[in-house]
Protein backbone atom coordinates (compact mmCIF):
# COMPACT_ATOMS: atom_id res chain seq x y z
CA MET A 1 5.57 15.32 -23.34
CA LYS A 2 5.40 19.31 -22.33
CA ILE A 3 7.43 19.69 -19.34
CA LYS A 4 5.72 22.90 -18.50
CA GLY A 5 2.66 22.90 -16.43
CA SER A 6 2.51 19.10 -16.06
CA VAL A 7 2.31 17.29 -13.00
CA ILE A 8 4.59 15.05 -11.47
CA LEU A 9 4.99 12.88 -8.56
CA LEU A 10 8.43 12.09 -7.41
CA THR A 11 9.12 9.79 -4.32
CA GLY A 12 12.11 10.06 -2.38
CA GLY A 13 12.81 13.59 -3.78
CA SER A 14 14.81 14.82 0.00
CA SER A 15 18.04 14.36 -1.29
CA GLY A 16 20.54 12.65 -4.23
CA ILE A 17 18.89 11.73 -7.46
CA GLY A 18 15.25 12.40 -6.54
CA ARG A 19 16.09 15.86 -5.07
CA ALA A 20 18.41 16.65 -8.46
CA ALA A 21 15.58 15.36 -10.80
CA ALA A 22 13.26 17.55 -8.57
CA GLN A 23 14.96 20.81 -9.18
CA LEU A 24 15.64 20.48 -12.96
CA LEU A 25 11.92 19.40 -13.63
CA VAL A 26 11.02 22.66 -11.67
CA ALA A 27 13.14 24.99 -13.31
CA LYS A 28 11.49 23.44 -16.58
CA GLY A 29 8.23 24.31 -15.71
CA ALA A 30 6.82 21.73 -13.93
CA ILE A 31 4.71 21.14 -10.68
CA VAL A 32 6.86 18.49 -9.18
CA TYR A 33 5.49 16.71 -5.41
CA ILE A 34 8.41 15.05 -3.48
CA THR A 35 7.86 12.77 -0.81
CA GLY A 36 9.69 11.87 1.87
CA ARG A 37 9.89 10.41 5.58
CA ASP A 38 11.64 13.09 7.28
CA SER A 39 9.78 16.05 7.63
CA GLU A 40 11.99 18.58 8.52
CA LYS A 41 14.55 17.26 5.56
CA LEU A 42 11.47 17.23 3.35
CA GLN A 43 10.27 20.68 3.88
CA ARG A 44 13.73 22.44 3.85
CA THR A 45 14.23 20.36 0.31
CA ALA A 46 10.82 21.22 -1.35
CA LYS A 47 11.56 25.40 -0.19
CA GLU A 48 14.92 25.37 -1.77
CA ILE A 49 13.86 23.69 -4.98
CA GLY A 50 9.90 25.45 -5.53
CA ALA A 51 8.61 21.56 -5.00
CA GLU A 52 5.38 20.66 -2.97
CA PRO A 53 6.55 18.80 -0.08
CA LEU A 54 4.23 15.48 0.83
CA LEU A 55 5.06 13.37 3.94
CA ALA A 56 4.52 9.88 2.73
CA ASP A 57 6.35 6.42 4.22
CA MET A 58 6.86 4.05 1.07
CA THR A 59 5.53 1.24 3.62
CA SER A 60 2.30 2.83 4.07
CA ASP A 61 -0.60 2.33 1.79
CA GLU A 62 -2.76 5.01 3.60
CA GLN A 63 0.23 7.45 3.41
CA LEU A 64 0.50 7.14 -0.22
CA ALA A 65 -3.20 6.53 -1.41
CA ASN A 66 -3.82 10.34 0.89
CA ALA A 67 -0.62 11.47 -1.60
CA LEU A 68 -1.77 11.10 -4.62
CA LYS A 69 -5.39 12.43 -3.63
CA HIS A 70 -3.95 15.50 -2.07
CA ILE A 71 -2.26 16.09 -5.70
CA LEU A 72 -5.57 15.54 -7.65
CA ASP A 73 -7.36 17.84 -5.19
CA SER A 74 -5.01 20.31 -5.47
CA SER A 75 -3.92 19.94 -9.14
CA GLY A 76 -6.61 18.47 -10.61
CA ARG A 77 -4.49 15.58 -12.37
CA LEU A 78 -1.17 13.68 -12.54
CA ASP A 79 0.75 13.65 -15.66
CA VAL A 80 4.06 11.74 -14.07
CA LEU A 81 4.82 9.34 -11.59
CA ILE A 82 8.52 8.81 -10.64
CA ASN A 83 9.46 6.04 -7.96
CA ASN A 84 12.73 6.77 -7.21
CA ALA A 85 12.69 6.27 -3.44
CA GLY A 86 14.93 2.84 -2.47
CA ILE A 87 17.16 1.61 0.48
CA GLY A 88 19.26 -1.00 0.42
CA ALA A 89 20.88 -4.04 2.48
CA PHE A 90 23.97 -6.13 1.50
CA GLY A 91 25.94 -8.66 2.96
CA PRO A 92 26.88 -12.47 2.46
CA VAL A 93 24.84 -14.97 1.34
CA ASP A 94 25.01 -16.58 4.49
CA GLY A 95 24.11 -13.83 6.47
CA LEU A 96 20.62 -13.44 4.97
CA SER A 97 17.81 -12.83 7.13
CA ARG A 98 14.19 -12.64 6.47
CA SER A 99 13.98 -9.11 7.72
CA ASP A 100 16.69 -8.20 5.42
CA PHE A 101 14.62 -8.63 2.37
CA ARG A 102 11.35 -7.46 3.73
CA GLU A 103 12.51 -4.28 5.26
CA VAL A 104 13.67 -3.57 1.40
CA PHE A 105 11.11 -4.97 -0.36
CA GLU A 106 8.79 -3.49 1.34
CA VAL A 107 9.86 0.28 0.26
CA ASN A 108 11.90 -1.00 -3.03
CA VAL A 109 8.89 -3.11 -4.44
CA TYR A 110 5.86 -3.16 -2.73
CA GLY A 111 5.91 0.56 -2.51
CA ALA A 112 6.87 1.13 -5.77
CA GLY A 113 4.33 -1.42 -6.89
CA ILE A 114 1.16 -0.23 -4.52
CA LEU A 115 2.09 3.38 -5.66
CA GLY A 116 1.99 2.50 -9.31
CA ALA A 117 -1.25 0.63 -9.19
CA LEU A 118 -2.73 3.87 -7.63
CA CYS A 119 -1.00 6.09 -10.15
CA ALA A 120 -2.01 3.44 -13.00
CA ALA A 121 -5.85 3.75 -12.50
CA HIS A 122 -6.01 7.68 -12.82
CA PHE A 123 -4.23 7.05 -15.64
CA LYS A 124 -5.84 4.61 -17.41
CA GLU A 125 -8.90 6.95 -16.72
CA ARG A 126 -7.31 10.06 -18.43
CA GLU A 127 -5.74 7.49 -21.31
CA GLU A 128 -2.51 9.09 -20.74
CA GLY A 129 0.55 9.21 -18.26
CA HIS A 130 3.98 7.96 -17.51
CA ILE A 131 5.73 5.80 -14.98
CA LEU A 132 9.39 6.04 -14.82
CA ASN A 133 10.59 3.48 -11.97
CA ILE A 134 14.34 4.03 -10.95
CA GLY A 135 16.02 0.78 -10.55
CA SER A 136 20.03 0.22 -10.79
CA SER A 137 22.65 -1.68 -12.32
CA ALA A 138 21.68 -4.38 -10.11
CA SER A 139 18.51 -4.82 -12.18
CA VAL A 140 20.24 -6.56 -14.75
CA LYS A 141 23.12 -8.27 -12.98
CA GLY A 142 23.84 -9.35 -9.57
CA PHE A 143 26.84 -9.21 -7.57
CA LYS A 144 28.53 -10.27 -4.33
CA ASN A 145 26.90 -9.71 -1.37
CA GLY A 146 24.10 -8.29 -3.14
CA SER A 147 21.36 -10.69 -3.31
CA VAL A 148 18.88 -8.47 -0.68
CA TYR A 149 19.11 -5.33 -2.77
CA SER A 150 19.56 -6.88 -6.53
CA ALA A 151 16.71 -9.09 -5.71
CA SER A 152 14.70 -6.29 -5.47
CA LYS A 153 15.69 -4.34 -8.29
CA PHE A 154 15.16 -7.30 -10.33
CA ALA A 155 11.23 -7.45 -8.99
CA LEU A 156 10.80 -3.85 -9.64
CA ARG A 157 12.28 -4.20 -13.21
CA ALA A 158 9.63 -7.28 -13.63
CA LEU A 159 6.87 -4.65 -12.52
CA SER A 160 8.45 -2.21 -15.29
CA GLN A 161 7.78 -4.89 -17.67
CA CYS A 162 4.44 -6.12 -16.77
CA TRP A 163 3.14 -2.38 -16.81
CA LYS A 164 4.26 -1.70 -20.22
CA ASP A 165 2.75 -4.19 -21.61
CA GLU A 166 -0.31 -3.79 -19.52
CA LEU A 167 -0.77 0.15 -19.74
CA ARG A 168 0.35 0.49 -23.61
CA PRO A 169 -3.33 0.41 -25.14
CA TYR A 170 -4.09 3.27 -22.45
CA ASN A 171 -1.06 5.60 -24.15
CA VAL A 172 0.34 5.02 -20.44
CA ARG A 173 4.10 4.99 -20.82
CA VAL A 174 6.29 3.14 -18.49
CA THR A 175 10.37 3.57 -18.24
CA HIS A 176 12.71 1.88 -16.28
CA ILE A 177 15.90 3.30 -15.91
CA ASN A 178 19.20 1.22 -14.68
CA PRO A 179 21.85 3.72 -13.21
CA SER A 180 25.38 2.44 -12.10
CA GLU A 181 27.10 3.86 -8.56
CA VAL A 182 25.77 7.42 -8.22
CA THR A 183 27.34 9.51 -5.46
CA THR A 184 24.48 10.41 -3.48
CA ALA A 185 23.39 9.49 0.61
CA PHE A 186 22.20 6.10 -0.35
CA TYR A 187 23.43 3.52 2.15
CA GLN A 188 25.67 6.30 3.71
CA GLU A 189 25.51 6.74 7.65
CA GLY A 190 23.57 9.66 8.69
CA ARG A 191 22.46 10.11 5.10
CA LYS A 192 25.38 11.95 4.38
CA GLU A 193 25.69 13.16 0.26
CA ARG A 194 28.99 11.77 -0.75
CA GLU A 195 31.93 13.72 -2.73
CA GLU A 196 31.30 13.98 -6.21
CA GLN A 197 34.04 11.71 -8.05
CA PRO A 198 35.19 12.24 -11.24
CA ASN A 199 35.00 8.66 -12.11
CA LYS A 200 31.47 8.27 -10.56
CA LEU A 201 27.98 9.44 -11.92
CA ARG A 202 26.43 12.34 -10.12
CA ALA A 203 22.46 12.90 -9.38
CA GLU A 204 22.41 15.33 -11.92
CA ASP A 205 23.54 13.14 -14.84
CA MET A 206 20.49 10.76 -13.80
CA ALA A 207 18.36 13.76 -13.60
CA HIS A 208 19.41 14.96 -17.21
CA LEU A 209 18.03 11.45 -18.30
CA ILE A 210 15.12 11.49 -16.42
CA LEU A 211 14.33 14.55 -18.35
CA SER A 212 15.27 13.35 -21.62
CA CYS A 213 13.10 10.21 -21.34
CA LEU A 214 10.01 12.91 -20.34
CA GLU A 215 10.98 15.09 -22.95
CA LEU A 216 9.66 12.42 -25.76
CA ASP A 217 6.88 13.52 -27.97
CA ASP A 218 4.26 11.07 -26.40
CA ARG A 219 3.86 8.61 -29.39
CA GLY A 220 6.64 7.16 -28.29
CA PHE A 221 8.75 5.83 -25.11
CA ILE A 222 11.88 4.25 -23.67
CA PRO A 223 11.08 1.21 -22.30
CA GLU A 224 14.30 0.54 -20.30
CA VAL A 225 17.44 2.45 -20.47
CA SER A 226 21.06 2.17 -18.52
CA LEU A 227 23.52 4.80 -17.44
CA TRP A 228 26.97 3.70 -16.83
CA ALA A 229 30.12 5.82 -15.58
CA THR A 230 32.58 5.82 -18.42
CA ASN A 231 35.56 4.75 -16.56
CA PRO A 232 34.23 3.43 -12.82
CA PHE A 233 38.13 2.16 -12.29
């Protein structure tokens, strides 16, 4: 697709992968709407990178519907949804709680699923569009103390696979992206960005991968792709 002039909705755009991807896409000429829950941080980020801020909580169906309505009212269409917002909870299996599952799945699965459903209806009507779900290496392989988080990312990967088969007849592409560890504010106290490390992925690396998936000619798409640090140890 042509990035310049395209209309993109990117969730969790205030920091990390979301911010880096939004910044790159804006620089390429896209109109990028970013969502977040922290109004001050969202507004500041949007101003700094040239994106459009949309205050929206992934746990609120009403706020997600209103965000899409605002985009359609303002820009007339939506070309791309990037489901990037995500949270984590980690701990041993004998310490699992229903509240841990509920909190993480509300964002990583239910929120992404509901927003995907809303955007899919628009894409089907237009017979074009692209959904990118940001998964994780935890989407394909579980790990110690990762029951809740990995289960949520396995579920998101399942959504990606189902949507791919369902939406292909409508010329809608679905891509699932699995990064390994990225030095962002994810699961950091106070949502403070981590320092870059030479053996870990950067948010900018993910941004370039997202751009590459979108820039393909519309006749083809990448169903799933993983990005790993070369030497993480």
